[in-house]
């Protein structure tokens, strides 16, 4: 029986004093792949338009279909992982991601490519919903924040390499090579994960899957992202986007009522009644809103000024590079006695100050690199602490469900960050289009979110909901 020696070797690795580190590195493969794929695909748009003779509005669905499916099924896949075993779902996610990536590279038409991207998003949800859960389970409690920093740094590295690597691949080997690059990485990660990740059996006490809750949540998230995309400058009536947003609110209410009545809910209502979990979800939302706003705005601003795409990508690398450095080095640079609460406040405040400074004063490339690096540093301190604080409130048997909730919040933040920037550029003046002034709406939204989240968090601390979240 071949699985047995793999299981024994895995257990020996995990039981060693440093066994959690290679397991977390394995999880970083998934984090790296998902963010690399998210940032690299936009470089294929010009080639796809030429080869398939398609308008930009149609080509954008290569990314939009991926984002819609990813956000809509994330929580459901996390719940299934809690039922079936997180390692099993995670490893098969690598296989499906590699196969769907190969299919994307061989797509005969734009419609087929969009369909394969939807399958690829399903595979990405199998990776993303389990990445936080696996880190949470395998890392010792006192090392959790640092382990989550490693996972966040893997995401930042993929994000950083995407624009530059995508430009090189598209220029030298064509757009299909962008998808082929995922195949060897996915296969290698599957093989390594079989040895290094701990065995995981189903832990959630559920006898049937909550199909009704899954349907309500998927419909709510899909209409929300669809409405945001319509309000970001697409040539459709404004009332259509507003109608989708209103429908999303109604569907979200239906989802909550369904979960309250369900015998075995997709998302236990107790999770959403914990103010500190709500604060963590709001923090994930705000963090990705702040992250992806500049990632969209800066390349557009620089190319409008006459810069090349390659130079814009290199300058933009300062943001994810600052993120990766801060996520990995914060335990060495910040006092160890600082709690996750204090780190969230410090990183969030730094990010907001930097956004305000960049929007007000950014005359040349040196300042731009400085602002981006500092913004990445603030987010690199904030994100691992926010994830650790949130996951510490989630029962271990629902770890993948909690990870799915966090990643769904992140996806909505990404969509809103992109929508706010593109809508501001769409309705703004010529001066606005050639500056960083559109960062002000992102700053305002993030500030309001942090204030709401802080009030919920402080309210829960005043009532004394336990010490776990303060780690």
Protein backbone atom coordinates (compact mmCIF):
# COMPACT_ATOMS: atom_id res chain seq x y z
CA UNK A 1 0.00 0.00 0.00
CA UNK A 2 1.81 3.15 -1.16
CA UNK A 3 -0.01 5.75 0.99
CA UNK A 4 1.27 4.24 4.27
CA UNK A 5 4.98 5.12 3.98
CA UNK A 6 4.01 8.62 2.86
CA UNK A 7 1.86 9.01 5.97
CA UNK A 8 4.62 7.78 8.31
CA UNK A 9 7.21 10.05 6.76
CA UNK A 10 4.83 13.00 6.98
CA UNK A 11 4.20 12.35 10.68
CA UNK A 12 7.93 12.11 11.42
CA UNK A 13 8.49 15.43 9.67
CA UNK A 14 5.68 17.17 11.52
CA UNK A 15 6.75 15.78 14.91
CA UNK A 16 10.26 17.23 14.62
CA UNK A 17 10.91 20.57 16.42
CA UNK A 18 11.14 22.44 13.12
CA UNK A 19 8.74 20.27 11.13
CA UNK A 20 6.17 23.03 10.87
CA UNK A 21 8.46 25.21 8.75
CA UNK A 22 8.67 22.95 5.65
CA UNK A 23 4.92 22.36 5.92
CA UNK A 24 4.30 26.13 5.87
CA UNK A 25 6.70 26.50 2.93
CA UNK A 26 4.58 23.94 1.08
CA UNK A 27 1.49 26.04 1.78
CA UNK A 28 3.37 29.03 0.39
CA UNK A 29 3.42 27.26 -3.01
CA UNK A 30 -0.36 27.61 -3.18
CA UNK A 31 -0.27 31.21 -1.99
CA UNK A 32 2.42 32.00 -4.56
CA UNK A 33 0.57 30.34 -7.43
CA UNK A 34 -2.78 32.01 -6.76
CA UNK A 35 -1.33 35.53 -6.60
CA UNK A 36 1.04 34.98 -9.53
CA UNK A 37 -1.90 33.86 -11.64
CA UNK A 38 -4.01 36.81 -10.52
CA UNK A 39 -1.37 39.40 -11.44
CA UNK A 40 0.11 37.78 -14.55
CA UNK A 41 -3.04 37.24 -16.61
CA UNK A 42 -3.73 40.94 -17.20
CA UNK A 43 -0.54 41.06 -19.30
CA UNK A 44 -2.21 38.75 -21.85
CA UNK A 45 -5.09 41.13 -22.66
CA UNK A 46 -3.52 42.80 -25.75
CA UNK A 47 -2.50 39.42 -27.23
CA UNK A 48 -5.96 37.92 -26.57
CA UNK A 49 -7.65 40.87 -28.25
CA UNK A 50 -5.50 40.46 -31.36
CA UNK A 51 -5.69 36.67 -31.64
CA UNK A 52 -9.42 36.30 -30.96
CA UNK A 53 -10.48 39.65 -32.49
CA UNK A 54 -12.41 40.43 -29.31
CA UNK A 55 -13.18 43.75 -27.58
CA UNK A 56 -11.62 44.58 -24.20
CA UNK A 57 -14.99 44.15 -22.46
CA UNK A 58 -15.03 40.50 -23.57
CA UNK A 59 -11.36 39.84 -22.77
CA UNK A 60 -11.83 41.19 -19.23
CA UNK A 61 -14.04 38.17 -18.52
CA UNK A 62 -10.86 36.05 -18.47
CA UNK A 63 -10.21 37.70 -15.11
CA UNK A 64 -13.79 38.44 -14.08
CA UNK A 65 -14.97 34.82 -14.44
CA UNK A 66 -12.04 33.68 -12.32
CA UNK A 67 -12.79 36.23 -9.60
CA UNK A 68 -16.53 35.56 -9.54
CA UNK A 69 -16.17 31.78 -9.18
CA UNK A 70 -13.35 32.10 -6.66
CA UNK A 71 -15.29 34.40 -4.35
CA UNK A 72 -18.61 32.58 -4.78
CA UNK A 73 -17.41 29.07 -3.83
CA UNK A 74 -14.62 29.83 -1.34
CA UNK A 75 -16.61 29.31 1.85
CA UNK A 76 -18.39 26.22 0.50
CA UNK A 77 -15.08 24.60 -0.49
CA UNK A 78 -13.67 25.44 2.93
CA UNK A 79 -16.64 23.74 4.60
CA UNK A 80 -16.20 20.66 2.39
CA UNK A 81 -12.53 20.59 3.37
CA UNK A 82 -13.50 20.56 7.05
CA UNK A 83 -15.73 17.58 6.28
CA UNK A 84 -13.48 15.59 3.91
CA UNK A 85 -9.98 16.45 5.12
CA UNK A 86 -7.98 19.61 4.42
CA UNK A 87 -4.80 17.97 3.13
CA UNK A 88 -6.77 15.84 0.65
CA UNK A 89 -8.67 18.80 -0.80
CA UNK A 90 -5.56 20.99 -0.82
CA UNK A 91 -3.39 18.49 -2.71
CA UNK A 92 -6.07 17.70 -5.27
CA UNK A 93 -6.45 21.44 -5.73
CA UNK A 94 -2.88 21.52 -7.07
CA UNK A 95 -3.71 18.74 -9.54
CA UNK A 96 -6.86 20.47 -10.78
CA UNK A 97 -5.02 23.80 -11.00
CA UNK A 98 -2.27 22.26 -13.15
CA UNK A 99 -4.76 20.47 -15.44
CA UNK A 100 -6.98 23.54 -15.87
CA UNK A 101 -3.91 25.72 -16.53
CA UNK A 102 -2.84 23.34 -19.31
CA UNK A 103 -6.38 23.51 -20.71
CA UNK A 104 -6.24 27.33 -20.66
CA UNK A 105 -2.99 27.28 -22.63
CA UNK A 106 -4.60 25.03 -25.28
CA UNK A 107 -7.92 26.94 -25.48
CA UNK A 108 -9.10 27.22 -29.09
CA UNK A 109 -11.22 30.31 -28.48
CA UNK A 110 -12.02 33.05 -25.98
CA UNK A 111 -15.17 31.32 -24.73
CA UNK A 112 -13.29 28.12 -23.99
CA UNK A 113 -10.56 30.09 -22.23
CA UNK A 114 -13.11 31.80 -19.99
CA UNK A 115 -14.69 28.41 -19.17
CA UNK A 116 -11.32 26.86 -18.30
CA UNK A 117 -10.54 29.90 -16.13
CA UNK A 118 -13.72 29.20 -14.15
CA UNK A 119 -12.45 25.65 -13.50
CA UNK A 120 -9.07 27.09 -12.57
CA UNK A 121 -10.83 29.36 -10.04
CA UNK A 122 -12.47 26.29 -8.46
CA UNK A 123 -9.00 24.77 -8.06
CA UNK A 124 -7.69 28.03 -6.62
CA UNK A 125 -10.51 28.00 -4.03
CA UNK A 126 -9.35 24.51 -2.94
CA UNK A 127 -5.91 26.00 -2.30
CA UNK A 128 -6.92 29.35 -0.82
CA UNK A 129 -9.58 28.11 1.59
CA UNK A 130 -7.12 25.59 3.09
CA UNK A 131 -3.91 27.62 3.15
CA UNK A 132 -4.75 29.57 6.30
CA UNK A 133 -6.30 26.48 7.91
CA UNK A 134 -3.23 24.32 7.33
CA UNK A 135 -0.90 26.99 8.71
CA UNK A 136 -3.20 27.43 11.71
CA UNK A 137 -3.11 23.69 12.41
CA UNK A 138 0.55 22.92 11.78
CA UNK A 139 2.26 25.95 13.39
CA UNK A 140 2.79 26.08 17.17
CA UNK A 141 0.59 28.76 18.81
CA UNK A 142 3.57 30.95 19.68
CA UNK A 143 4.78 30.78 16.04
CA UNK A 144 1.40 31.32 14.38
CA UNK A 145 1.86 34.98 13.52
CA UNK A 146 5.27 34.35 11.98
CA UNK A 147 3.94 31.36 10.02
CA UNK A 148 1.08 33.44 8.66
CA UNK A 149 3.67 36.07 7.75
CA UNK A 150 5.49 33.47 5.64
CA UNK A 151 2.23 32.57 3.92
CA UNK A 152 1.47 36.24 3.26
CA UNK A 153 5.00 36.74 1.93
CA UNK A 154 4.41 33.90 -0.55
CA UNK A 155 1.36 35.77 -1.80
CA UNK A 156 3.35 39.00 -2.07
CA UNK A 157 6.15 37.27 -3.99
CA UNK A 158 3.68 35.91 -6.54
CA UNK A 159 2.12 39.35 -6.83
CA UNK A 160 5.54 40.96 -7.29
CA UNK A 161 6.76 38.58 -9.99
CA UNK A 162 3.50 38.63 -11.95
CA UNK A 163 3.86 41.89 -13.94
CA UNK A 164 7.54 41.43 -14.81
CA UNK A 165 7.37 37.70 -15.52
CA UNK A 166 4.16 38.12 -17.49
CA UNK A 167 5.68 40.81 -19.65
CA UNK A 168 8.74 38.66 -20.41
CA UNK A 169 6.69 35.52 -21.19
CA UNK A 170 4.14 37.27 -23.40
CA UNK A 171 6.88 39.09 -25.30
CA UNK A 172 9.12 36.06 -25.86
CA UNK A 173 6.85 32.98 -25.89
CA UNK A 174 3.29 34.26 -26.34
CA UNK A 175 0.27 34.43 -24.05
CA UNK A 176 -0.18 30.65 -23.80
CA UNK A 177 3.12 30.34 -21.90
CA UNK A 178 1.58 32.37 -19.06
CA UNK A 179 -0.67 29.41 -18.24
CA UNK A 180 1.90 26.68 -18.90
CA UNK A 181 4.08 28.01 -16.08
CA UNK A 182 1.53 26.78 -13.51
CA UNK A 183 1.79 23.14 -14.62
CA UNK A 184 5.24 22.16 -13.27
CA UNK A 185 4.75 24.26 -10.12
CA UNK A 186 1.42 22.55 -9.40
CA UNK A 187 2.79 19.05 -9.93
CA UNK A 188 5.85 19.72 -7.77
CA UNK A 189 3.72 21.20 -4.98
CA UNK A 190 1.40 18.17 -5.00
CA UNK A 191 4.32 15.74 -4.66
CA UNK A 192 6.09 17.74 -1.95
CA UNK A 193 2.84 18.30 -0.05
CA UNK A 194 2.20 14.55 0.23
CA UNK A 195 5.37 14.25 2.30
CA UNK A 196 5.42 17.48 4.30
CA UNK A 197 1.81 18.32 5.13
CA UNK A 198 0.18 16.65 8.16
CA UNK A 199 -2.51 14.08 7.61
CA UNK A 200 -5.97 15.59 7.98
CA UNK A 201 -9.25 13.75 8.39
CA UNK A 202 -12.70 15.27 8.37
CA UNK A 203 -13.40 17.05 11.64
CA UNK A 204 -16.61 19.00 11.04
CA UNK A 205 -19.67 17.39 12.61
CA UNK A 206 -21.89 17.39 9.53
CA UNK A 207 -23.96 14.65 7.97
CA UNK A 208 -25.01 16.53 4.85
CA UNK A 209 -23.84 19.51 2.89
CA UNK A 210 -25.76 22.79 3.18
CA UNK A 211 -26.75 23.23 -0.47
CA UNK A 212 -29.32 25.95 0.25
CA UNK A 213 -26.82 28.07 2.19
CA UNK A 214 -24.21 27.53 -0.52
CA UNK A 215 -26.63 28.73 -3.19
CA UNK A 216 -27.69 31.86 -1.29
CA UNK A 217 -24.09 32.82 -0.47
CA UNK A 218 -22.80 32.20 -4.01
CA UNK A 219 -25.65 34.26 -5.50
CA UNK A 220 -25.05 37.09 -3.04
CA UNK A 221 -21.31 37.28 -3.72
CA UNK A 222 -21.73 36.94 -7.50
CA UNK A 223 -24.29 39.75 -7.71
CA UNK A 224 -22.13 41.93 -5.46
CA UNK A 225 -19.05 41.53 -7.66
CA UNK A 226 -21.15 41.89 -10.81
CA UNK A 227 -22.63 45.14 -9.52
CA UNK A 228 -19.21 46.50 -8.61
CA UNK A 229 -17.86 45.69 -12.08
CA UNK A 230 -20.82 47.46 -13.73
CA UNK A 231 -20.24 50.57 -11.62
CA UNK A 232 -16.55 50.73 -12.54
CA UNK A 233 -17.04 52.36 -15.91
CA UNK A 234 -18.53 49.60 -18.09
CA UNK A 235 -20.86 50.88 -20.84
CA UNK A 236 -24.06 49.78 -19.07
CA UNK A 237 -26.77 51.83 -17.35
CA UNK A 238 -25.91 52.81 -13.80
CA UNK A 239 -29.24 51.48 -12.55
CA UNK A 240 -28.22 47.95 -13.60
CA UNK A 241 -25.24 47.96 -11.24
CA UNK A 242 -27.31 49.50 -8.44
CA UNK A 243 -29.97 46.82 -8.97
CA UNK A 244 -27.38 44.06 -8.65
CA UNK A 245 -26.01 45.59 -5.45
CA UNK A 246 -29.52 45.79 -3.98
CA UNK A 247 -30.15 42.17 -5.01
CA UNK A 248 -26.89 41.18 -3.31
CA UNK A 249 -28.05 42.73 -0.03
CA UNK A 250 -31.38 40.87 -0.24
CA UNK A 251 -29.64 37.58 -1.05
CA UNK A 252 -27.21 38.09 1.84
CA UNK A 253 -30.16 38.54 4.19
CA UNK A 254 -31.69 35.33 2.83
CA UNK A 255 -28.39 33.54 3.43
CA UNK A 256 -28.25 34.66 7.07
CA UNK A 257 -31.85 33.58 7.70
CA UNK A 258 -31.16 30.23 6.01
CA UNK A 259 -28.11 29.65 8.22
CA UNK A 260 -30.05 30.47 11.38
CA UNK A 261 -32.68 27.86 10.49
CA UNK A 262 -30.29 25.19 9.16
CA UNK A 263 -29.54 22.14 11.31
CA UNK A 264 -25.97 21.95 9.99
CA UNK A 265 -25.21 25.38 8.49
CA UNK A 266 -22.51 26.19 5.98
CA UNK A 267 -21.33 29.02 8.26
CA UNK A 268 -22.30 28.58 11.92
CA UNK A 269 -24.05 31.82 13.00
CA UNK A 270 -21.87 31.91 16.14
CA UNK A 271 -18.87 32.77 13.93
CA UNK A 272 -20.57 35.86 12.55
CA UNK A 273 -21.83 36.89 15.99
CA UNK A 274 -18.27 37.16 17.31
CA UNK A 275 -17.31 40.87 16.92
CA UNK A 276 -13.63 40.01 16.69
CA UNK A 277 -14.24 37.71 13.73
CA UNK A 278 -16.33 40.47 12.13
CA UNK A 279 -13.44 42.87 12.71
CA UNK A 280 -11.03 40.39 11.13
CA UNK A 281 -13.23 40.04 8.04
CA UNK A 282 -13.54 43.82 7.77
CA UNK A 283 -9.77 44.09 8.16
CA UNK A 284 -9.17 41.56 5.37
CA UNK A 285 -11.59 43.50 3.20
CA UNK A 286 -9.90 46.85 3.90
CA UNK A 287 -6.38 45.46 3.53
CA UNK A 288 -7.00 44.19 0.01
CA UNK A 289 -8.92 47.32 -0.91
CA UNK A 290 -5.81 49.32 0.00
CA UNK A 291 -3.47 46.83 -1.71
CA UNK A 292 -5.18 46.50 -5.09
CA UNK A 293 -6.20 50.14 -5.51
CA UNK A 294 -2.58 51.23 -6.12
CA UNK A 295 -1.83 48.04 -8.09
CA UNK A 296 -4.42 49.13 -10.65
CA UNK A 297 -3.82 52.89 -10.51
CA UNK A 298 -0.02 53.10 -10.66
CA UNK A 299 0.53 51.24 -13.99
CA UNK A 300 -2.25 53.26 -15.65
CA UNK A 301 -0.81 56.53 -14.34
CA UNK A 302 2.76 55.72 -15.37
CA UNK A 303 1.88 54.52 -18.87
CA UNK A 304 -0.24 57.65 -19.39
CA UNK A 305 2.88 59.65 -18.55
CA UNK A 306 4.79 57.79 -21.29
CA UNK A 307 6.50 55.09 -19.22
CA UNK A 308 6.83 51.58 -20.63
CA UNK A 309 4.92 48.65 -19.14
CA UNK A 310 8.18 47.01 -18.05
CA UNK A 311 9.35 50.11 -16.18
CA UNK A 312 5.94 50.52 -14.57
CA UNK A 313 6.03 46.90 -13.43
CA UNK A 314 9.51 47.29 -11.95
CA UNK A 315 8.52 50.42 -10.00
CA UNK A 316 5.34 48.74 -8.79
CA UNK A 317 7.39 45.84 -7.40
CA UNK A 318 8.27 48.09 -4.44
CA UNK A 319 4.76 47.49 -3.02
CA UNK A 320 4.77 43.67 -2.78
CA UNK A 321 8.49 43.71 -1.91
CA UNK A 322 7.80 45.94 1.10
CA UNK A 323 4.90 43.65 2.01
CA UNK A 324 7.05 40.50 1.90
CA UNK A 325 9.88 42.02 3.92
CA UNK A 326 7.58 43.36 6.64
CA UNK A 327 5.57 40.13 6.85
CA UNK A 328 8.72 38.05 7.39
CA UNK A 329 10.79 40.45 9.52
CA UNK A 330 8.19 42.02 11.79
CA UNK A 331 8.86 39.58 14.65
CA UNK A 332 12.55 40.48 14.51
CA UNK A 333 12.03 44.25 14.23
CA UNK A 334 8.97 44.86 16.41
CA UNK A 335 8.86 44.17 20.15
CA UNK A 336 7.78 40.58 20.76
CA UNK A 337 5.43 41.68 23.52
CA UNK A 338 3.29 43.55 20.99
CA UNK A 339 -0.04 41.78 20.58
CA UNK A 340 -1.78 41.15 17.27
CA UNK A 341 -4.15 43.98 18.20
CA UNK A 342 -1.31 46.50 18.44
CA UNK A 343 0.33 45.24 15.25
CA UNK A 344 -2.95 45.59 13.36
CA UNK A 345 -3.32 49.16 14.59
CA UNK A 346 0.30 50.03 13.74
CA UNK A 347 0.26 48.51 10.26
CA UNK A 348 -3.19 49.90 9.41
CA UNK A 349 -2.28 53.41 10.58
CA UNK A 350 0.97 53.37 8.57
CA UNK A 351 -0.92 52.27 5.43
CA UNK A 352 -3.51 55.04 5.81
CA UNK A 353 -0.88 57.73 6.39
CA UNK A 354 1.08 56.56 3.34
CA UNK A 355 -2.06 56.59 1.16
CA UNK A 356 -2.78 60.15 2.20
CA UNK A 357 0.81 61.19 1.54
CA UNK A 358 0.95 59.50 -1.87
CA UNK A 359 -2.32 61.09 -2.97
CA UNK A 360 -1.18 64.54 -1.82
CA UNK A 361 2.47 64.53 -2.93
CA UNK A 362 4.13 62.22 -5.45
CA UNK A 363 6.15 64.29 -7.94
CA UNK A 364 8.69 61.73 -9.20
CA UNK A 365 9.64 58.06 -9.30
CA UNK A 366 11.79 58.19 -6.15
CA UNK A 367 8.82 59.32 -4.08
CA UNK A 368 6.58 56.77 -5.74
CA UNK A 369 8.91 53.88 -4.85
CA UNK A 370 9.17 55.19 -1.28
CA UNK A 371 5.39 55.47 -0.85
CA UNK A 372 4.78 52.03 -2.35
CA UNK A 373 7.44 50.35 -0.20
CA UNK A 374 6.06 51.96 2.98
CA UNK A 375 2.51 51.05 2.03
CA UNK A 376 3.60 47.45 1.50
CA UNK A 377 5.38 47.49 4.86
CA UNK A 378 2.23 48.69 6.64
CA UNK A 379 0.12 45.99 5.00
CA UNK A 380 2.82 43.39 5.70
CA UNK A 381 2.56 44.15 9.42
CA UNK A 382 -1.25 44.37 9.38
CA UNK A 383 -2.21 41.28 7.36
CA UNK A 384 -0.50 38.42 9.28
CA UNK A 385 -1.59 39.92 12.61
CA UNK A 386 -5.17 40.31 11.40
CA UNK A 387 -5.24 36.74 10.08
CA UNK A 388 -3.77 35.36 13.32
CA UNK A 389 -6.23 37.32 15.44
CA UNK A 390 -9.19 36.16 13.37
CA UNK A 391 -8.20 32.50 13.04
CA UNK A 392 -7.56 32.30 16.80
CA UNK A 393 -11.30 32.91 17.30
CA UNK A 394 -12.31 30.11 14.89
CA UNK A 395 -12.72 26.58 16.32
CA UNK A 396 -10.06 24.24 14.95
CA UNK A 397 -12.67 21.90 13.49
CA UNK A 398 -13.92 24.82 11.34
CA UNK A 399 -10.48 26.15 10.36
CA UNK A 400 -11.01 25.82 6.58
CA UNK A 401 -14.46 27.46 6.85
CA UNK A 402 -12.85 30.39 8.67
CA UNK A 403 -10.11 30.57 6.05
CA UNK A 404 -12.76 30.59 3.33
CA UNK A 405 -14.55 33.51 5.00
CA UNK A 406 -11.31 35.49 5.23
CA UNK A 407 -10.42 34.87 1.59
CA UNK A 408 -13.93 35.74 0.43
CA UNK A 409 -13.61 39.07 2.26
CA UNK A 410 -10.25 39.57 0.56
CA UNK A 411 -11.77 38.91 -2.87
CA UNK A 412 -14.52 41.46 -2.28
CA UNK A 413 -11.90 43.97 -1.17
CA UNK A 414 -9.92 43.33 -4.37
CA UNK A 415 -13.02 43.91 -6.51
CA UNK A 416 -13.98 47.09 -4.69
CA UNK A 417 -10.44 48.47 -4.88
CA UNK A 418 -10.37 47.92 -8.64
CA UNK A 419 -13.90 49.31 -9.07
CA UNK A 420 -13.25 52.48 -7.05
CA UNK A 421 -10.09 53.32 -8.96
CA UNK A 422 -11.49 52.62 -12.44
CA UNK A 423 -14.72 54.50 -11.67
CA UNK A 424 -12.76 57.50 -10.36
CA UNK A 425 -10.62 57.54 -13.50
CA UNK A 426 -13.72 57.13 -15.66
CA UNK A 427 -15.50 60.18 -14.23
CA UNK A 428 -12.43 62.24 -13.22
CA UNK A 429 -10.68 65.12 -14.91
CA UNK A 430 -7.54 64.91 -17.01
CA UNK A 431 -5.48 66.07 -14.03
CA UNK A 432 -6.93 63.29 -11.90
CA UNK A 433 -6.13 60.67 -14.53
CA UNK A 434 -2.42 61.63 -14.50
CA UNK A 435 -1.97 61.73 -10.71
CA UNK A 436 -2.51 59.59 -7.65
CA UNK A 437 -5.52 61.61 -6.47
CA UNK A 438 -7.92 58.67 -7.08
CA UNK A 439 -6.35 57.09 -3.99
CA UNK A 440 -8.46 59.41 -1.83
CA UNK A 441 -11.69 57.33 -2.20
CA UNK A 442 -9.70 54.20 -1.29
CA UNK A 443 -8.32 56.04 1.73
CA UNK A 444 -11.80 57.13 2.84
CA UNK A 445 -13.31 53.65 2.46
CA UNK A 446 -10.44 52.02 4.31
CA UNK A 447 -10.59 54.57 7.13
CA UNK A 448 -14.33 54.06 7.61
CA UNK A 449 -13.86 50.28 7.60
CA UNK A 450 -11.09 50.44 10.19
CA UNK A 451 -13.18 52.71 12.42
CA UNK A 452 -16.15 50.36 12.23
CA UNK A 453 -13.95 47.36 12.85
CA UNK A 454 -12.17 49.04 15.78
CA UNK A 455 -15.50 49.89 17.42
CA UNK A 456 -16.66 46.27 17.07
CA UNK A 457 -13.36 44.98 18.38
CA UNK A 458 -13.20 47.33 21.35
CA UNK A 459 -16.81 46.55 22.15
CA UNK A 460 -16.02 42.83 22.29
CA UNK A 461 -12.93 43.48 24.42
CA UNK A 462 -15.02 45.52 26.85
CA UNK A 463 -17.42 42.59 27.23
CA UNK A 464 -14.48 40.22 27.80
CA UNK A 465 -14.84 37.62 25.09
CA UNK A 466 -11.61 35.87 25.97
CA UNK A 467 -7.89 36.25 25.52
CA UNK A 468 -7.34 34.23 22.38
CA UNK A 469 -7.63 37.04 19.92
CA UNK A 470 -5.10 39.24 21.62
CA UNK A 471 -2.20 36.93 20.84
